Amino acid sequence: MIIAAFNPKGGVGKTTTAVNVATVLADNSKSVLLVDLEADLNSSISLGVRPGDAQRSIVDVMLNSSRPSDAVRPVDGIGNLSLIAGAPALASLDQALRNVRQPERRLADVLRPLEREFDVIVLDAPAGFGVMSVSVPYAAQHLILPIRAEYLGLESLAQLLRWYRDLRAARRATADVAGILLTMVDYRRQATREIVEIIRTHNRHGVLRTEIPLDPRVAEAPSHGVPVVHYARSRAANAYIQLTDELRKRLARQRR
C-alpha cells in the first residue's frame, strides 16, 4: 500500500504528517518505507539525515543511476522504518527528465518493485505542480490532504479538490482521497471554529475526524532529528497516533 501526504500548496503540514504517520505505523510493527520527494530534504532531516549525507537519494533512482533498493536506508532509532532521502537536485528534476516519455509515471515505476518489500510506503509530496508532485497521484493508492484550518486554507482546498477531480476525470491520476486532514488547528483564533465548520459541512464524509493542533513541539522535533511522536508527549504527538489509527480503520473499510 502506498499513501501520500499530498497538497501542491506549501506549508500545510505534509512533511510532519508523512514522517509521523510512517513512524506510528512502524511502531505498530509494520515495515514502512518513507520516500522524501522534496529538494529541501525536510522528511530526511526530520529523521536525522543531514543535507551533506552522500548516500543515494530518490534522484539517483529517478534518473536510473541507482536501483531503488540501493537507495533504501534504515532509520536510526526507529525499528521497521526505512527511508529514501530527498536531494537538492530534485529542484532541477523537470529539466533532467525533459526527454523522458511520460515522466509523471517514472515514480510509480520506481516504487513498484519496493511494494513487495514493505507493508506500507509513505510519500512526502513536494509543493507545486512540477513533475515530481504530479507523479504522486499516479504512484500512490491513497492521498491524505493536509490543510491548514484558516481562511486561505479553505480557499485553497476548494481549488485543490476541483483540480484533482478534473485530473482524475482526465485519467491523469488514480489515487483516491483517503481524507482531508485539518492541521495547525488553534481554537484560540476567533475564526478557527467557523472555518473548521465550513470545511466539515462542505466535505461531510471527506474530512478526517482527527485534527492536528497547533503545537510548538512540532517545530522543535526536526532539529533533534526525531519525529514529534518520539520527541515529546504533546497534543500533536497524540493526535498523530489517533490519526494513524483512524486511517488504518478507514482504509480497512474501503478494502471490504
Protein backbone atom coordinates (compact mmCIF):
# COMPACT_ATOMS: atom_id res chain seq x y z
CA MET A 1 0.00 0.00 0.00
CA ILE A 2 1.26 3.47 -0.91
CA ILE A 3 -0.05 6.50 0.98
CA ALA A 4 0.95 10.09 0.22
CA ALA A 5 0.68 13.33 2.15
CA PHE A 6 -0.29 15.45 -0.83
CA ASN A 7 -1.15 19.09 -1.43
CA PRO A 8 0.53 21.32 -4.01
CA LYS A 9 0.20 24.19 -1.54
CA GLY A 10 3.23 24.52 0.74
CA GLY A 11 3.28 24.98 4.50
CA VAL A 12 0.26 22.82 5.27
CA GLY A 13 1.94 20.03 7.26
CA LYS A 14 2.69 17.41 4.59
CA THR A 15 6.14 16.57 5.93
CA THR A 16 5.06 16.38 9.57
CA THR A 17 2.16 14.18 8.56
CA ALA A 18 4.22 11.83 6.40
CA VAL A 19 7.01 11.45 8.96
CA ASN A 20 4.75 10.84 11.93
CA VAL A 21 2.26 8.55 10.22
CA ALA A 22 5.18 6.47 8.93
CA THR A 23 6.71 6.35 12.40
CA VAL A 24 3.48 5.32 14.15
CA LEU A 25 2.92 2.57 11.59
CA ALA A 26 6.48 1.34 12.16
CA ASP A 27 5.95 1.46 15.93
CA ASN A 28 2.96 -0.82 15.34
CA SER A 29 5.15 -3.48 13.71
CA LYS A 30 4.51 -2.53 10.09
CA SER A 31 7.51 -2.47 7.76
CA VAL A 32 7.42 1.07 6.39
CA LEU A 33 9.35 2.98 3.74
CA LEU A 34 9.22 6.78 3.79
CA VAL A 35 10.12 8.45 0.49
CA ASP A 36 11.24 12.08 0.68
CA LEU A 37 10.33 13.85 -2.56
CA GLU A 38 11.42 17.34 -1.50
CA ALA A 39 14.51 19.24 -2.59
CA ASP A 40 14.93 20.68 0.89
CA LEU A 41 15.03 17.18 2.45
CA ASN A 42 12.62 18.08 5.24
CA SER A 43 11.48 14.50 5.87
CA SER A 44 15.06 13.24 5.75
CA ILE A 45 16.25 15.92 8.18
CA SER A 46 13.31 15.14 10.46
CA LEU A 47 14.67 11.59 10.70
CA GLY A 48 18.25 12.58 11.43
CA VAL A 49 19.73 12.69 7.91
CA ARG A 50 21.96 15.70 7.32
CA PRO A 51 21.91 17.55 3.97
CA GLY A 52 25.57 16.70 3.34
CA ASP A 53 24.94 12.96 3.53
CA ALA A 54 26.42 11.44 0.35
CA GLN A 55 24.26 8.30 0.18
CA ARG A 56 21.95 7.61 -2.76
CA SER A 57 18.70 9.59 -2.99
CA ILE A 58 15.41 9.47 -4.85
CA VAL A 59 17.05 11.50 -7.64
CA ASP A 60 19.55 8.69 -8.34
CA VAL A 61 16.66 6.27 -8.61
CA MET A 62 14.53 8.53 -10.81
CA LEU A 63 17.45 9.02 -13.22
CA ASN A 64 18.17 5.27 -13.30
CA SER A 65 21.68 5.71 -11.89
CA SER A 66 20.78 3.54 -8.90
CA ARG A 67 18.45 0.63 -8.23
CA PRO A 68 15.54 1.51 -5.92
CA SER A 69 16.65 -0.99 -3.29
CA ASP A 70 20.15 0.54 -3.20
CA ALA A 71 18.70 3.92 -2.12
CA VAL A 72 16.82 2.46 0.86
CA ARG A 73 18.44 3.10 4.24
CA PRO A 74 17.29 2.15 7.74
CA VAL A 75 16.30 4.98 10.06
CA ASP A 76 18.40 5.07 13.21
CA GLY A 77 16.44 4.53 16.40
CA ILE A 78 13.16 3.57 14.73
CA GLY A 79 12.72 -0.12 14.08
CA ASN A 80 10.80 -1.18 10.95
CA LEU A 81 11.23 2.26 9.33
CA SER A 82 13.37 2.86 6.23
CA LEU A 83 13.96 5.96 4.14
CA ILE A 84 14.75 7.03 0.61
CA ALA A 85 16.16 10.51 1.09
CA GLY A 86 15.41 13.63 -0.88
CA ALA A 87 18.11 15.73 -2.55
CA PRO A 88 18.65 19.33 -3.70
CA ALA A 89 18.82 18.02 -7.28
CA LEU A 90 15.06 17.46 -7.13
CA ALA A 91 14.74 21.18 -7.86
CA SER A 92 16.02 20.58 -11.40
CA LEU A 93 14.43 17.17 -11.98
CA ASP A 94 11.90 18.51 -14.50
CA GLN A 95 14.77 19.57 -16.72
CA ALA A 96 16.62 16.29 -16.24
CA LEU A 97 13.53 14.33 -17.35
CA ARG A 98 12.61 16.62 -20.23
CA ASN A 99 13.30 13.92 -22.85
CA VAL A 100 11.60 11.11 -20.95
CA ARG A 101 8.26 9.91 -22.31
CA GLN A 102 5.53 10.30 -19.68
CA PRO A 103 7.91 11.43 -16.90
CA GLU A 104 5.00 11.65 -14.44
CA ARG A 105 4.86 7.83 -14.47
CA ARG A 106 8.51 7.35 -13.55
CA LEU A 107 7.89 7.48 -9.78
CA ALA A 108 5.29 4.71 -9.97
CA ASP A 109 7.74 2.56 -11.93
CA VAL A 110 10.44 3.21 -9.34
CA LEU A 111 8.23 2.26 -6.40
CA ARG A 112 6.63 -0.83 -7.91
CA PRO A 113 9.45 -3.28 -7.03
CA LEU A 114 9.60 -1.90 -3.48
CA GLU A 115 5.92 -2.56 -2.75
CA ARG A 116 6.70 -6.23 -2.21
CA GLU A 117 9.31 -5.41 0.42
CA PHE A 118 7.22 -3.16 2.68
CA ASP A 119 3.78 -3.24 4.23
CA VAL A 120 3.34 0.49 3.64
CA ILE A 121 5.16 3.12 1.58
CA VAL A 122 4.56 6.73 2.65
CA LEU A 123 5.34 9.59 0.26
CA ASP A 124 6.12 13.14 1.36
CA ALA A 125 4.98 15.05 -1.73
CA PRO A 126 6.57 18.35 -2.70
CA ALA A 127 4.71 21.63 -3.13
CA GLY A 128 3.95 22.99 -6.58
CA PHE A 129 2.97 21.32 -9.84
CA GLY A 130 6.30 20.01 -11.10
CA VAL A 131 6.88 16.51 -12.43
CA MET A 132 7.53 15.01 -9.01
CA SER A 133 4.41 16.50 -7.49
CA VAL A 134 2.05 15.39 -10.28
CA SER A 135 3.71 11.96 -10.21
CA VAL A 136 2.39 11.32 -6.72
CA PRO A 137 -1.30 10.70 -7.63
CA TYR A 138 -0.09 8.11 -10.16
CA ALA A 139 2.18 6.34 -7.72
CA ALA A 140 0.02 6.33 -4.59
CA GLN A 141 -3.20 4.45 -3.95
CA HIS A 142 -4.37 6.79 -1.19
CA LEU A 143 -3.90 10.53 -0.58
CA ILE A 144 -4.04 12.40 2.70
CA LEU A 145 -4.73 16.08 2.01
CA PRO A 146 -3.36 18.21 4.87
CA ILE A 147 -4.88 21.67 5.00
CA ARG A 148 -4.42 24.49 7.49
CA ALA A 149 -7.54 25.45 9.42
CA GLU A 150 -7.63 29.07 8.24
CA TYR A 151 -9.39 31.13 5.56
CA LEU A 152 -6.70 30.76 2.89
CA GLY A 153 -6.66 27.04 3.59
CA LEU A 154 -10.41 26.96 2.97
CA GLU A 155 -9.99 28.67 -0.40
CA SER A 156 -7.05 26.51 -1.49
CA LEU A 157 -8.88 23.32 -0.51
CA ALA A 158 -11.76 24.16 -2.85
CA GLN A 159 -9.33 24.77 -5.71
CA LEU A 160 -7.38 21.59 -4.92
CA LEU A 161 -10.49 19.40 -4.94
CA ARG A 162 -11.67 20.87 -8.26
CA TRP A 163 -8.23 20.42 -9.80
CA TYR A 164 -7.95 16.84 -8.58
CA ARG A 165 -11.47 15.96 -9.74
CA ASP A 166 -10.54 17.15 -13.25
CA LEU A 167 -7.23 15.29 -13.08
CA ARG A 168 -8.98 12.01 -12.30
CA ALA A 169 -11.62 12.63 -14.95
CA ALA A 170 -8.82 13.01 -17.49
CA ARG A 171 -7.30 9.74 -16.19
CA ARG A 172 -4.13 11.52 -15.18
CA ALA A 173 -4.42 10.32 -11.57
CA THR A 174 -5.52 7.07 -9.96
CA ALA A 175 -5.22 7.59 -6.19
CA ASP A 176 -8.32 8.07 -4.06
CA VAL A 177 -8.54 10.74 -1.38
CA ALA A 178 -8.34 8.87 1.92
CA GLY A 179 -9.18 12.02 3.83
CA ILE A 180 -8.77 15.75 4.31
CA LEU A 181 -6.65 16.45 7.38
CA LEU A 182 -7.05 19.70 9.32
CA THR A 183 -3.64 20.82 10.59
CA MET A 184 -2.30 23.56 12.84
CA VAL A 185 -5.75 23.92 14.39
CA ASP A 186 -5.85 26.68 17.02
CA TYR A 187 -9.25 27.33 18.55
CA ARG A 188 -7.87 30.41 20.29
CA ARG A 189 -8.19 32.13 16.93
CA GLN A 190 -11.58 33.70 16.58
CA ALA A 191 -12.28 32.41 13.08
CA THR A 192 -10.97 28.84 13.50
CA ARG A 193 -14.21 27.26 14.68
CA GLU A 194 -16.13 28.84 11.81
CA ILE A 195 -13.54 27.75 9.21
CA VAL A 196 -13.48 24.18 10.54
CA GLU A 197 -17.27 24.03 10.49
CA ILE A 198 -17.40 25.23 6.87
CA ILE A 199 -14.79 22.70 5.75
CA ARG A 200 -16.57 19.85 7.54
CA THR A 201 -20.01 20.89 6.28
CA HIS A 202 -18.96 21.08 2.64
CA ASN A 203 -16.86 17.88 2.79
CA ARG A 204 -19.05 15.89 5.13
CA HIS A 205 -17.55 12.46 4.56
CA GLY A 206 -14.13 13.53 3.35
CA VAL A 207 -12.68 15.22 6.42
CA LEU A 208 -10.85 13.05 8.89
CA ARG A 209 -12.21 13.12 12.42
CA THR A 210 -8.77 13.70 13.91
CA GLU A 211 -7.43 17.25 13.88
CA ILE A 212 -3.76 18.17 14.36
CA PRO A 213 -3.50 21.03 16.86
CA LEU A 214 -1.01 23.86 16.65
CA ASP A 215 1.86 22.65 18.83
CA PRO A 216 5.34 24.20 19.29
CA ARG A 217 6.82 20.72 19.74
CA VAL A 218 6.23 20.05 16.03
CA ALA A 219 8.70 22.79 15.09
CA GLU A 220 11.24 21.64 17.70
CA ALA A 221 11.38 17.95 16.81
CA PRO A 222 13.20 18.19 13.42
CA SER A 223 16.18 19.96 15.00
CA HIS A 224 16.67 16.80 17.07
CA GLY A 225 16.27 14.52 14.06
CA VAL A 226 13.27 12.66 15.50
CA PRO A 227 9.52 12.66 14.73
CA VAL A 228 7.34 14.53 17.18
CA VAL A 229 5.71 11.25 18.27
CA HIS A 230 9.14 10.21 19.62
CA TYR A 231 10.25 13.68 20.69
CA ALA A 232 7.66 14.58 23.31
CA ARG A 233 4.30 13.64 24.69
CA SER A 234 2.38 16.53 23.25
CA ARG A 235 -1.00 17.32 21.78
CA ALA A 236 0.23 16.95 18.21
CA ALA A 237 2.02 13.68 19.00
CA ASN A 238 -1.16 12.23 20.49
CA ALA A 239 -3.14 13.48 17.51
CA TYR A 240 -0.83 11.75 15.02
CA ILE A 241 -1.21 8.48 16.91
CA GLN A 242 -5.00 8.88 16.74
CA LEU A 243 -4.83 9.89 13.08
CA THR A 244 -2.87 6.78 12.10
CA ASP A 245 -5.40 4.56 13.84
CA GLU A 246 -8.26 6.39 12.11
CA LEU A 247 -6.55 5.99 8.72
CA ARG A 248 -5.97 2.31 9.31
CA LYS A 249 -9.65 1.75 10.10
CA ARG A 250 -10.87 3.93 7.22
CA LEU A 251 -8.69 2.16 4.64
CA ALA A 252 -9.69 -1.24 6.01
CA ARG A 253 -13.37 -0.36 5.48
CA GLN A 254 -12.64 0.76 1.91
CA ARG A 255 -10.98 -2.57 1.11
CA ARG A 256 -14.04 -4.60 2.12
